[in-house]
C-alpha atoms as a PDB file:
ATOM      1  CA  UNK A   1      92.407  90.383 119.567  1.00  0.00           C
ATOM      2  CA  UNK A   2      90.961  91.655 116.550  1.00  0.00           C
ATOM      3  CA  UNK A   3      94.123  91.059 114.551  1.00  0.00           C
ATOM      4  CA  UNK A   4      93.465  87.499 114.476  1.00  0.00           C
ATOM      5  CA  UNK A   5      90.168  87.968 112.545  1.00  0.00           C
ATOM      6  CA  UNK A   6      91.782  90.127 110.388  1.00  0.00           C
ATOM      7  CA  UNK A   7      94.454  87.438 109.389  1.00  0.00           C
ATOM      8  CA  UNK A   8      91.910  84.696 109.017  1.00  0.00           C
ATOM      9  CA  UNK A   9      90.235  87.244 106.710  1.00  0.00           C
ATOM     10  CA  UNK A  10      93.495  87.972 104.637  1.00  0.00           C
ATOM     11  CA  UNK A  11      93.830  83.903 104.311  1.00  0.00           C
ATOM     12  CA  UNK A  12      90.324  83.677 103.146  1.00  0.00           C
ATOM     13  CA  UNK A  13      91.383  86.374 100.336  1.00  0.00           C
ATOM     14  CA  UNK A  14      94.304  84.408  99.682  1.00  0.00           C
ATOM     15  CA  UNK A  15      92.668  81.292  99.202  1.00  0.00           C
ATOM     16  CA  UNK A  16      89.945  82.776  97.089  1.00  0.00           C
ATOM     17  CA  UNK A  17      92.523  84.477  94.752  1.00  0.00           C
ATOM     18  CA  UNK A  18      94.510  80.949  94.595  1.00  0.00           C
ATOM     19  CA  UNK A  19      91.576  79.183  93.109  1.00  0.00           C
ATOM     20  CA  UNK A  20      90.706  81.786  90.663  1.00  0.00           C
ATOM     21  CA  UNK A  21      94.295  82.840  89.587  1.00  0.00           C
ATOM     22  CA  UNK A  22      95.672  79.076  89.937  1.00  0.00           C
ATOM     23  CA  UNK A  23      98.563  79.477  92.376  1.00  0.00           C
ATOM     24  CA  UNK A  24      99.540  77.025  94.937  1.00  0.00           C
ATOM     25  CA  UNK A  25     101.628  79.111  97.675  1.00  0.00           C
ATOM     26  CA  UNK A  26     102.102  82.592  98.705  1.00  0.00           C
ATOM     27  CA  UNK A  27     105.921  83.564  99.258  1.00  0.00           C
ATOM     28  CA  UNK A  28     105.534  86.884 100.433  1.00  0.00           C
ATOM     29  CA  UNK A  29     102.872  89.241 101.127  1.00  0.00           C
ATOM     30  CA  UNK A  30     103.054  92.935 101.492  1.00  0.00           C
ATOM     31  CA  UNK A  31     100.388  94.673 103.539  1.00  0.00           C
ATOM     32  CA  UNK A  32      99.633  98.194 103.436  1.00  0.00           C
ATOM     33  CA  UNK A  33      98.566  99.664 107.091  1.00  0.00           C
ATOM     34  CA  UNK A  34      97.824 102.997 107.869  1.00  0.00           C
ATOM     35  CA  UNK A  35      98.227 104.596 111.866  1.00  0.00           C
ATOM     36  CA  UNK A  36      94.617 105.296 111.744  1.00  0.00           C
ATOM     37  CA  UNK A  37      93.664 101.472 111.001  1.00  0.00           C
ATOM     38  CA  UNK A  38      93.134 100.546 114.620  1.00  0.00           C
ATOM     39  CA  UNK A  39      95.965  97.389 114.319  1.00  0.00           C
ATOM     40  CA  UNK A  40      98.555  96.698 116.364  1.00  0.00           C
ATOM     41  CA  UNK A  41     101.353  95.403 114.260  1.00  0.00           C
ATOM     42  CA  UNK A  42     102.942  93.015 116.345  1.00  0.00           C
ATOM     43  CA  UNK A  43      99.826  91.236 117.104  1.00  0.00           C
ATOM     44  CA  UNK A  44      99.125  90.924 113.483  1.00  0.00           C
ATOM     45  CA  UNK A  45     102.186  89.439 112.826  1.00  0.00           C
ATOM     46  CA  UNK A  46     101.776  86.860 115.699  1.00  0.00           C
ATOM     47  CA  UNK A  47      98.440  86.156 114.581  1.00  0.00           C
ATOM     48  CA  UNK A  48      99.542  85.950 110.765  1.00  0.00           C
ATOM     49  CA  UNK A  49     102.051  83.246 111.689  1.00  0.00           C
ATOM     50  CA  UNK A  50      99.613  81.568 113.567  1.00  0.00           C
ATOM     51  CA  UNK A  51      96.769  81.683 111.579  1.00  0.00           C
ATOM     52  CA  UNK A  52      98.890  80.960 108.223  1.00  0.00           C
ATOM     53  CA  UNK A  53     100.536  77.521 109.625  1.00  0.00           C
ATOM     54  CA  UNK A  54      99.724  74.755 107.244  1.00  0.00           C
ATOM     55  CA  UNK A  55      98.018  76.835 104.649  1.00  0.00           C
ATOM     56  CA  UNK A  56      98.826  77.929 101.202  1.00  0.00           C
ATOM     57  CA  UNK A  57     100.707  80.874 103.128  1.00  0.00           C
ATOM     58  CA  UNK A  58     102.463  78.603 105.629  1.00  0.00           C
ATOM     59  CA  UNK A  59     106.313  80.161 105.822  1.00  0.00           C
ATOM     60  CA  UNK A  60     105.229  83.277 103.826  1.00  0.00           C
ATOM     61  CA  UNK A  61     107.138  86.573 104.370  1.00  0.00           C
ATOM     62  CA  UNK A  62     104.745  88.843 106.160  1.00  0.00           C
ATOM     63  CA  UNK A  63     105.974  92.792 104.841  1.00  0.00           C
ATOM     64  CA  UNK A  64     103.979  95.628 106.454  1.00  0.00           C
ATOM     65  CA  UNK A  65     104.060  98.734 104.641  1.00  0.00           C
ATOM     66  CA  UNK A  66     102.951 101.894 106.855  1.00  0.00           C
ATOM     67  CA  UNK A  67     101.410 104.603 105.375  1.00  0.00           C
ATOM     68  CA  UNK A  68     101.089 108.132 106.869  1.00  0.00           C
ATOM     69  CA  UNK A  69      97.531 109.620 108.094  1.00  0.00           C
ATOM     70  CA  UNK A  70      96.092 112.542 106.602  1.00  0.00           C
ATOM     71  CA  UNK A  71      92.981 114.713 107.016  1.00  0.00           C
ATOM     72  CA  UNK A  72      91.424 117.815 105.389  1.00  0.00           C
ATOM     73  CA  UNK A  73      90.440 120.439 107.885  1.00  0.00           C
ATOM     74  CA  UNK A  74      87.268 122.080 107.324  1.00  0.00           C
ATOM     75  CA  UNK A  75      88.411 124.868 109.745  1.00  0.00           C
ATOM     76  CA  UNK A  76      91.447 125.809 107.514  1.00  0.00           C
ATOM     77  CA  UNK A  77      90.715 123.928 104.311  1.00  0.00           C
ATOM     78  CA  UNK A  78      94.379 122.149 104.304  1.00  0.00           C
ATOM     79  CA  UNK A  79      95.045 118.775 103.977  1.00  0.00           C
ATOM     80  CA  UNK A  80      97.392 118.366 107.104  1.00  0.00           C
ATOM     81  CA  UNK A  81      99.251 115.021 108.717  1.00  0.00           C
ATOM     82  CA  UNK A  82      97.572 113.372 111.361  1.00  0.00           C
ATOM     83  CA  UNK A  83      98.728 110.377 113.844  1.00  0.00           C
ATOM     84  CA  UNK A  84      95.867 109.389 115.406  1.00  0.00           C
ATOM     85  CA  UNK A  85      92.115 110.196 115.329  1.00  0.00           C
ATOM     86  CA  UNK A  86      90.844 112.908 116.915  1.00  0.00           C
ATOM     87  CA  UNK A  87      94.096 115.009 116.772  1.00  0.00           C
ATOM     88  CA  UNK A  88      93.727 118.795 116.466  1.00  0.00           C
ATOM     89  CA  UNK A  89      94.688 120.413 113.201  1.00  0.00           C
ATOM     90  CA  UNK A  90      98.509 121.136 113.459  1.00  0.00           C
ATOM     91  CA  UNK A  91      98.041 124.122 111.164  1.00  0.00           C
ATOM     92  CA  UNK A  92      95.117 125.889 112.992  1.00  0.00           C
ATOM     93  CA  UNK A  93      94.441 123.872 116.058  1.00  0.00           C
ATOM     94  CA  UNK A  94      90.952 122.983 114.927  1.00  0.00           C
ATOM     95  CA  UNK A  95      88.749 119.506 115.322  1.00  0.00           C
ATOM     96  CA  UNK A  96      86.859 119.585 112.112  1.00  0.00           C
ATOM     97  CA  UNK A  97      89.301 116.941 110.390  1.00  0.00           C
ATOM     98  CA  UNK A  98      87.814 114.644 107.693  1.00  0.00           C
ATOM     99  CA  UNK A  99      90.218 111.589 107.110  1.00  0.00           C
ATOM    100  CA  UNK A 100      91.499 111.198 103.619  1.00  0.00           C
ATOM    101  CA  UNK A 101      94.106 108.623 104.381  1.00  0.00           C
ATOM    102  CA  UNK A 102      95.896 106.437 106.895  1.00  0.00           C
ATOM    103  CA  UNK A 103      92.891 103.947 107.751  1.00  0.00           C
ATOM    104  CA  UNK A 104      93.591 101.383 105.136  1.00  0.00           C
ATOM    105  CA  UNK A 105      94.347  98.068 105.799  1.00  0.00           C
ATOM    106  CA  UNK A 106      94.744  96.169 102.410  1.00  0.00           C
ATOM    107  CA  UNK A 107      96.749  93.614 100.668  1.00  0.00           C
ATOM    108  CA  UNK A 108      99.045  95.884  98.676  1.00  0.00           C
ATOM    109  CA  UNK A 109     101.217  93.098  96.434  1.00  0.00           C
ATOM    110  CA  UNK A 110     101.645  89.168  96.646  1.00  0.00           C
ATOM    111  CA  UNK A 111     104.563  86.898  95.566  1.00  0.00           C
ATOM    112  CA  UNK A 112     102.960  83.248  94.520  1.00  0.00           C
ATOM    113  CA  UNK A 113     104.296  80.090  93.004  1.00  0.00           C
END
């Protein structure tokens, strides 16, 4: 389950930022996650609860903001929506798609005390 490792990395970033920006606890964390990031959202929620227990993010509310997947199609030259990697272009049926959004996993915002 790589979601556990992702949550450990998120917690590490929170701890580093707490030291740099002088905050003691995280109340809310907003994560921006795209459909192409390869993350199982429920596993991430479970892992975050387990990893954050007893830390500065203990009892923090985790809010996941899901983004949309988009790709540029080299065949037709259009930007098109995609739901998963290796989808065909919904416009022309081509497979020469370059992902331009939807693969992100980032901390979007924090509420801290």
